[in-house]
Amino acid sequence: MPDRYLEVVEPEDNVATALRELEAGETVTVGVGDTERTVEVSDDVQFGHKIAIEDIAAGETITKYGKSIGNATEDISAGTWVHVHNVESNYGRGDLADETETAAVSE
């Protein structure tokens, strides 16, 4: 049964939000759409922070709420705390947007 204190909004998300403190070494089950994923927590994760629910390669997109929130700056294993130490955010980064996204903002 999924831990009700781990939130995944969209099935394509590769991170979950911790709605409770997570301790390194514990095993958690996350509901992802109609399926479940079980991961071992490798780092302590504070309330409100993210945890990888699958392996994410360096340079890959971090997806939360079905949207890109940044790119992994290093390989991130499932169960790892995901935060500014291993993600470069793309929020408000017009320099990272492709031309169609930039054009839509300026119209």
C-alpha atoms as a PDB file:
ATOM      1  CA  MET A   1       0.000   0.000   0.000  1.00  0.00           C
ATOM      2  CA  PRO A   2       1.430   3.422  -0.945  1.00  0.00           C
ATOM      3  CA  ASP A   3       2.643   5.795   1.754  1.00  0.00           C
ATOM      4  CA  ARG A   4      -0.008   8.518   1.875  1.00  0.00           C
ATOM      5  CA  TYR A   5       2.670  11.030   2.848  1.00  0.00           C
ATOM      6  CA  LEU A   6       4.518  10.784  -0.469  1.00  0.00           C
ATOM      7  CA  GLU A   7       2.827  12.705  -3.263  1.00  0.00           C
ATOM      8  CA  VAL A   8       3.219  12.076  -6.987  1.00  0.00           C
ATOM      9  CA  VAL A   9       0.804  14.193  -9.024  1.00  0.00           C
ATOM     10  CA  GLU A  10       1.309  12.929 -12.580  1.00  0.00           C
ATOM     11  CA  PRO A  11       2.371   9.445 -13.736  1.00  0.00           C
ATOM     12  CA  GLU A  12       5.293  10.902 -15.736  1.00  0.00           C
ATOM     13  CA  ASP A  13       6.799  12.524 -12.601  1.00  0.00           C
ATOM     14  CA  ASN A  14      10.194  11.118 -11.626  1.00  0.00           C
ATOM     15  CA  VAL A  15      10.162  12.655  -8.135  1.00  0.00           C
ATOM     16  CA  ALA A  16       7.746  12.516  -5.210  1.00  0.00           C
ATOM     17  CA  THR A  17       7.186  15.194  -2.579  1.00  0.00           C
ATOM     18  CA  ALA A  18       7.689  14.111   1.019  1.00  0.00           C
ATOM     19  CA  LEU A  19       4.780  15.199   3.197  1.00  0.00           C
ATOM     20  CA  ARG A  20       6.627  13.839   6.236  1.00  0.00           C
ATOM     21  CA  GLU A  21      10.272  13.495   7.270  1.00  0.00           C
ATOM     22  CA  LEU A  22      11.949  10.520   5.582  1.00  0.00           C
ATOM     23  CA  GLU A  23      14.910   8.748   7.152  1.00  0.00           C
ATOM     24  CA  ALA A  24      17.797   7.210   5.232  1.00  0.00           C
ATOM     25  CA  GLY A  25      17.457   3.433   5.158  1.00  0.00           C
ATOM     26  CA  GLU A  26      13.679   3.238   5.301  1.00  0.00           C
ATOM     27  CA  THR A  27      11.762   1.637   2.443  1.00  0.00           C
ATOM     28  CA  VAL A  28       8.773   3.524   1.053  1.00  0.00           C
ATOM     29  CA  THR A  29       6.105   2.703  -1.490  1.00  0.00           C
ATOM     30  CA  VAL A  30       4.854   5.486  -3.739  1.00  0.00           C
ATOM     31  CA  GLY A  31       1.598   5.492  -5.710  1.00  0.00           C
ATOM     32  CA  VAL A  32       2.294   6.490  -9.325  1.00  0.00           C
ATOM     33  CA  GLY A  33      -0.884   6.586 -11.374  1.00  0.00           C
ATOM     34  CA  ASP A  34      -2.363   3.075 -11.209  1.00  0.00           C
ATOM     35  CA  THR A  35       0.929   1.489 -10.132  1.00  0.00           C
ATOM     36  CA  GLU A  36       3.248   1.546  -7.150  1.00  0.00           C
ATOM     37  CA  ARG A  37       7.019   1.939  -6.836  1.00  0.00           C
ATOM     38  CA  THR A  38       9.042   0.889  -3.828  1.00  0.00           C
ATOM     39  CA  VAL A  39      12.348   2.629  -3.150  1.00  0.00           C
ATOM     40  CA  GLU A  40      14.861   2.626  -0.337  1.00  0.00           C
ATOM     41  CA  VAL A  41      15.501   6.139   0.970  1.00  0.00           C
ATOM     42  CA  SER A  42      19.236   6.832   0.737  1.00  0.00           C
ATOM     43  CA  ASP A  43      19.279  10.311   2.341  1.00  0.00           C
ATOM     44  CA  ASP A  44      17.281  11.977   5.090  1.00  0.00           C
ATOM     45  CA  VAL A  45      14.593  14.035   3.338  1.00  0.00           C
ATOM     46  CA  GLN A  46      12.889  16.970   5.018  1.00  0.00           C
ATOM     47  CA  PHE A  47       9.147  17.630   4.859  1.00  0.00           C
ATOM     48  CA  GLY A  48       8.272  19.302   1.552  1.00  0.00           C
ATOM     49  CA  HIS A  49      11.415  18.198  -0.272  1.00  0.00           C
ATOM     50  CA  LYS A  50      11.646  15.798  -3.207  1.00  0.00           C
ATOM     51  CA  ILE A  51      12.880  12.231  -3.519  1.00  0.00           C
ATOM     52  CA  ALA A  52      13.751  10.477  -6.784  1.00  0.00           C
ATOM     53  CA  ILE A  53      11.372   7.592  -7.511  1.00  0.00           C
ATOM     54  CA  GLU A  54      13.482   6.291 -10.394  1.00  0.00           C
ATOM     55  CA  ASP A  55      17.087   6.609 -11.518  1.00  0.00           C
ATOM     56  CA  ILE A  56      17.703   9.971 -13.229  1.00  0.00           C
ATOM     57  CA  ALA A  57      20.826  10.457 -15.371  1.00  0.00           C
ATOM     58  CA  ALA A  58      22.883  13.655 -15.295  1.00  0.00           C
ATOM     59  CA  GLY A  59      21.321  16.154 -17.708  1.00  0.00           C
ATOM     60  CA  GLU A  60      17.881  14.526 -17.614  1.00  0.00           C
ATOM     61  CA  THR A  61      14.773  16.537 -16.863  1.00  0.00           C
ATOM     62  CA  ILE A  62      13.345  16.500 -13.342  1.00  0.00           C
ATOM     63  CA  THR A  63       9.569  16.240 -13.732  1.00  0.00           C
ATOM     64  CA  LYS A  64       7.128  17.266 -10.979  1.00  0.00           C
ATOM     65  CA  TYR A  65       3.418  18.000 -11.478  1.00  0.00           C
ATOM     66  CA  GLY A  66       3.903  16.733 -15.041  1.00  0.00           C
ATOM     67  CA  LYS A  67       6.194  19.718 -15.754  1.00  0.00           C
ATOM     68  CA  SER A  68       9.932  20.174 -16.077  1.00  0.00           C
ATOM     69  CA  ILE A  69      11.330  21.867 -12.966  1.00  0.00           C
ATOM     70  CA  GLY A  70      15.015  21.525 -13.857  1.00  0.00           C
ATOM     71  CA  ASN A  71      17.797  19.220 -14.953  1.00  0.00           C
ATOM     72  CA  ALA A  72      19.876  16.781 -12.955  1.00  0.00           C
ATOM     73  CA  THR A  73      23.438  18.056 -12.505  1.00  0.00           C
ATOM     74  CA  GLU A  74      24.640  14.543 -11.627  1.00  0.00           C
ATOM     75  CA  ASP A  75      23.321  10.990 -11.731  1.00  0.00           C
ATOM     76  CA  ILE A  76      20.541  10.641  -9.150  1.00  0.00           C
ATOM     77  CA  SER A  77      19.594   7.159  -7.939  1.00  0.00           C
ATOM     78  CA  ALA A  78      16.050   6.231  -6.932  1.00  0.00           C
ATOM     79  CA  GLY A  79      15.603   7.056  -3.241  1.00  0.00           C
ATOM     80  CA  THR A  80      17.939  10.054  -3.305  1.00  0.00           C
ATOM     81  CA  TRP A  81      17.030  13.502  -1.978  1.00  0.00           C
ATOM     82  CA  VAL A  82      16.482  15.841  -4.954  1.00  0.00           C
ATOM     83  CA  HIS A  83      17.281  19.494  -4.264  1.00  0.00           C
ATOM     84  CA  VAL A  84      19.582  22.362  -5.303  1.00  0.00           C
ATOM     85  CA  HIS A  85      22.727  20.266  -4.750  1.00  0.00           C
ATOM     86  CA  ASN A  86      21.856  17.941  -7.653  1.00  0.00           C
ATOM     87  CA  VAL A  87      19.384  19.946  -9.781  1.00  0.00           C
ATOM     88  CA  GLU A  88      19.694  23.127 -11.822  1.00  0.00           C
ATOM     89  CA  SER A  89      16.295  24.805 -11.762  1.00  0.00           C
ATOM     90  CA  ASN A  90      14.765  26.107 -14.969  1.00  0.00           C
ATOM     91  CA  TYR A  91      12.083  28.255 -13.301  1.00  0.00           C
ATOM     92  CA  GLY A  92      12.108  31.718 -14.816  1.00  0.00           C
ATOM     93  CA  ARG A  93      15.051  30.815 -17.054  1.00  0.00           C
ATOM     94  CA  GLY A  94      14.099  32.349 -20.409  1.00  0.00           C
ATOM     95  CA  ASP A  95      17.621  31.602 -21.586  1.00  0.00           C
ATOM     96  CA  LEU A  96      16.789  27.888 -21.306  1.00  0.00           C
ATOM     97  CA  ALA A  97      13.443  28.121 -23.120  1.00  0.00           C
ATOM     98  CA  ASP A  98      13.242  27.239 -26.779  1.00  0.00           C
ATOM     99  CA  GLU A  99      12.212  29.953 -29.282  1.00  0.00           C
ATOM    100  CA  THR A 100       8.506  29.024 -29.288  1.00  0.00           C
ATOM    101  CA  GLU A 101       8.260  29.345 -25.497  1.00  0.00           C
ATOM    102  CA  THR A 102      10.099  32.687 -25.548  1.00  0.00           C
ATOM    103  CA  ALA A 103       7.883  34.024 -28.341  1.00  0.00           C
ATOM    104  CA  ALA A 104       4.700  33.071 -26.465  1.00  0.00           C
ATOM    105  CA  VAL A 105       5.877  34.971 -23.380  1.00  0.00           C
ATOM    106  CA  SER A 106       6.707  38.137 -25.312  1.00  0.00           C
ATOM    107  CA  GLU A 107       3.424  38.303 -27.263  1.00  0.00           C
END
